[in-house]
Structures are given as structure tokens and as C-alpha cells.
């Protein structure tokens, strides 16, 4: 398992990734679509909607770095979000630039779901240690 210091670093990286990706989707939806979300027909409004969610999630994860009570609930939300996202991608692999890219994206997103669930369990353990006074 990982400790408090590593958890903070991982959460900071997750936060940065989502803030940057969300910001790109909001301010440059065409770039986001061309470089990241190349599925189906482009719709800048919906790309912006995705950006708003990504940005909000990233900011919340940034807050979770310093607010341990936020960690597990947000990570479980991330696990659900990425899990459902992976299922959606599994049905649309043919909509990607290539079938290989479609399956690679699906597997990476599924990994995000599993990783987020694992981190949520670690956050719960760390919160328990913090509550019992055994966390340094």
C-alpha cells in the first residue's frame, strides 16, 4: 500500500491531468476533439460540457490533496465515471480514428476506473489510520 505522502502526490497528478484536459476542452474544443476525443462527429458544445466536468473534477481532486475526507468519495466517483465511460467506449471502438485506437482508449479508461477504485480503498485506509491516530 501507499502512504500519505505518496497519496498526496498521486492526487496532485490526477488533479493536474483533469484540470489541464478540462481547460483544453473548454477553451479549445476543436483541439481537444482532434487530439483526444476523436469519436464520431465533432460537437464543440458537448466537448465544452465534458471540459466543464473534467475541470470541476480536477479542481475537486486538487482540494482533496489537502482535505483527506474528500478523497475516497471523489475517487469512488472517478471509478464509477471511468467505469461507465469505458463501457460506452467499448460499444463505440469503431468510431475512433482506428479500431486499435478505440480498444486502446477503452482499456486505458477501464484502467482509470480500476485505479481510481484502488486509490479510493487506500484513501479509506489512510482515513481510518488518521482517525485512530496511527498516521504520521
Protein backbone atom coordinates (compact mmCIF):
# COMPACT_ATOMS: atom_id res chain seq x y z
CA UNK A 1 0.00 0.00 0.00
CA UNK A 2 0.97 3.63 -0.30
CA UNK A 3 1.33 6.23 2.42
CA UNK A 4 0.02 9.74 2.92
CA UNK A 5 2.86 11.50 1.08
CA UNK A 6 2.51 9.27 -1.99
CA UNK A 7 -1.28 9.68 -1.93
CA UNK A 8 -0.93 13.45 -1.99
CA UNK A 9 1.44 13.24 -4.96
CA UNK A 10 -0.84 10.90 -6.89
CA UNK A 11 -3.88 13.07 -6.19
CA UNK A 12 -1.97 16.18 -7.30
CA UNK A 13 -1.07 14.45 -10.58
CA UNK A 14 -4.69 13.32 -11.11
CA UNK A 15 -5.89 16.84 -10.36
CA UNK A 16 -3.40 18.42 -12.78
CA UNK A 17 -4.30 15.99 -15.57
CA UNK A 18 -8.02 16.72 -15.24
CA UNK A 19 -7.60 20.49 -14.88
CA UNK A 20 -5.37 20.69 -17.95
CA UNK A 21 -7.56 18.38 -20.03
CA UNK A 22 -10.74 20.14 -18.93
CA UNK A 23 -9.27 23.55 -19.66
CA UNK A 24 -8.26 22.45 -23.16
CA UNK A 25 -11.75 21.07 -23.82
CA UNK A 26 -13.35 24.32 -22.63
CA UNK A 27 -11.13 26.85 -24.39
CA UNK A 28 -10.09 24.84 -27.46
CA UNK A 29 -12.79 22.23 -28.13
CA UNK A 30 -11.60 21.68 -31.70
CA UNK A 31 -8.08 20.86 -30.49
CA UNK A 32 -9.49 18.55 -27.80
CA UNK A 33 -11.59 16.75 -30.39
CA UNK A 34 -8.73 16.45 -32.90
CA UNK A 35 -6.13 15.27 -30.38
CA UNK A 36 -8.06 13.42 -27.64
CA UNK A 37 -11.76 12.85 -28.23
CA UNK A 38 -11.81 11.75 -31.85
CA UNK A 39 -15.07 9.81 -31.74
CA UNK A 40 -17.96 10.34 -34.09
CA UNK A 41 -18.84 13.78 -35.36
CA UNK A 42 -17.40 16.82 -33.63
CA UNK A 43 -19.75 18.85 -31.44
CA UNK A 44 -17.96 21.75 -29.75
CA UNK A 45 -20.78 22.32 -27.27
CA UNK A 46 -20.62 18.77 -25.91
CA UNK A 47 -16.83 18.88 -25.84
CA UNK A 48 -17.17 22.01 -23.69
CA UNK A 49 -19.62 20.18 -21.41
CA UNK A 50 -17.05 17.41 -20.98
CA UNK A 51 -14.43 20.06 -20.28
CA UNK A 52 -16.58 21.61 -17.57
CA UNK A 53 -16.91 18.25 -15.81
CA UNK A 54 -13.21 17.45 -16.19
CA UNK A 55 -12.21 20.85 -14.85
CA UNK A 56 -14.58 20.61 -11.87
CA UNK A 57 -13.34 17.09 -11.06
CA UNK A 58 -9.72 18.23 -11.34
CA UNK A 59 -10.26 21.18 -9.02
CA UNK A 60 -12.09 18.95 -6.52
CA UNK A 61 -9.21 16.44 -6.64
CA UNK A 62 -6.81 19.31 -6.00
CA UNK A 63 -8.79 20.25 -2.91
CA UNK A 64 -8.72 16.57 -1.85
CA UNK A 65 -4.92 16.79 -1.65
CA UNK A 66 -5.37 18.92 1.49
CA UNK A 67 -8.81 17.65 2.57
CA UNK A 68 -8.47 13.93 3.23
CA UNK A 69 -12.20 13.46 3.88
CA UNK A 70 -12.88 14.35 0.23
CA UNK A 71 -10.56 11.70 -1.17
CA UNK A 72 -12.49 8.43 -1.01
CA UNK A 73 -15.86 9.85 -2.18
CA UNK A 74 -14.24 11.65 -5.13
CA UNK A 75 -12.16 8.62 -6.05
CA UNK A 76 -15.27 6.39 -5.96
CA UNK A 77 -16.99 8.94 -8.21
CA UNK A 78 -13.99 8.72 -10.53
CA UNK A 79 -14.17 4.92 -10.51
CA UNK A 80 -17.85 5.00 -11.50
CA UNK A 81 -17.32 7.71 -14.09
CA UNK A 82 -14.36 5.96 -15.73
CA UNK A 83 -16.10 2.58 -15.50
CA UNK A 84 -19.22 3.78 -17.30
CA UNK A 85 -17.01 5.74 -19.70
CA UNK A 86 -15.11 2.53 -20.57
CA UNK A 87 -18.36 0.66 -21.19
CA UNK A 88 -19.51 3.44 -23.51
CA UNK A 89 -16.19 3.30 -25.38
CA UNK A 90 -16.41 -0.48 -25.73
CA UNK A 91 -19.57 -0.02 -27.78
CA UNK A 92 -18.02 2.71 -29.95
CA UNK A 93 -14.50 1.45 -30.73
CA UNK A 94 -15.27 1.69 -34.43
CA UNK A 95 -15.94 5.43 -34.07
CA UNK A 96 -12.29 6.15 -33.16
CA UNK A 97 -9.55 7.07 -35.66
CA UNK A 98 -8.86 3.34 -35.84
CA UNK A 99 -10.17 0.15 -34.25
CA UNK A 100 -6.85 -0.22 -32.41
CA UNK A 101 -7.11 3.30 -31.00
CA UNK A 102 -10.69 2.59 -29.96
CA UNK A 103 -9.70 -0.50 -27.98
CA UNK A 104 -6.60 1.16 -26.53
CA UNK A 105 -8.71 4.07 -25.29
CA UNK A 106 -11.28 1.67 -23.84
CA UNK A 107 -8.62 -0.28 -21.95
CA UNK A 108 -6.89 2.86 -20.66
CA UNK A 109 -10.19 4.27 -19.43
CA UNK A 110 -11.02 0.93 -17.76
CA UNK A 111 -7.60 1.07 -16.08
CA UNK A 112 -8.57 4.52 -14.80
CA UNK A 113 -11.70 3.01 -13.23
CA UNK A 114 -9.79 0.19 -11.54
CA UNK A 115 -7.01 2.54 -10.42
CA UNK A 116 -9.48 5.02 -9.01
CA UNK A 117 -11.30 2.27 -7.08
CA UNK A 118 -7.99 1.02 -5.68
CA UNK A 119 -6.99 4.54 -4.64
CA UNK A 120 -10.41 5.02 -3.01
CA UNK A 121 -9.76 1.93 -0.86
CA UNK A 122 -6.29 3.25 0.03
CA UNK A 123 -7.81 6.63 0.93
CA UNK A 124 -10.33 4.87 3.19
CA UNK A 125 -7.48 3.00 4.91
CA UNK A 126 -5.50 6.20 5.37
CA UNK A 127 -8.55 7.98 6.76
CA UNK A 128 -9.02 5.13 9.23
CA UNK A 129 -5.40 5.40 10.31
CA UNK A 130 -5.75 9.16 10.63
CA UNK A 131 -8.89 8.75 12.76
CA UNK A 132 -7.16 6.24 15.02
CA UNK A 133 -4.08 8.45 15.38
CA UNK A 134 -1.64 5.97 13.85
CA UNK A 135 -0.89 8.04 10.74
CA UNK A 136 2.30 10.05 10.88
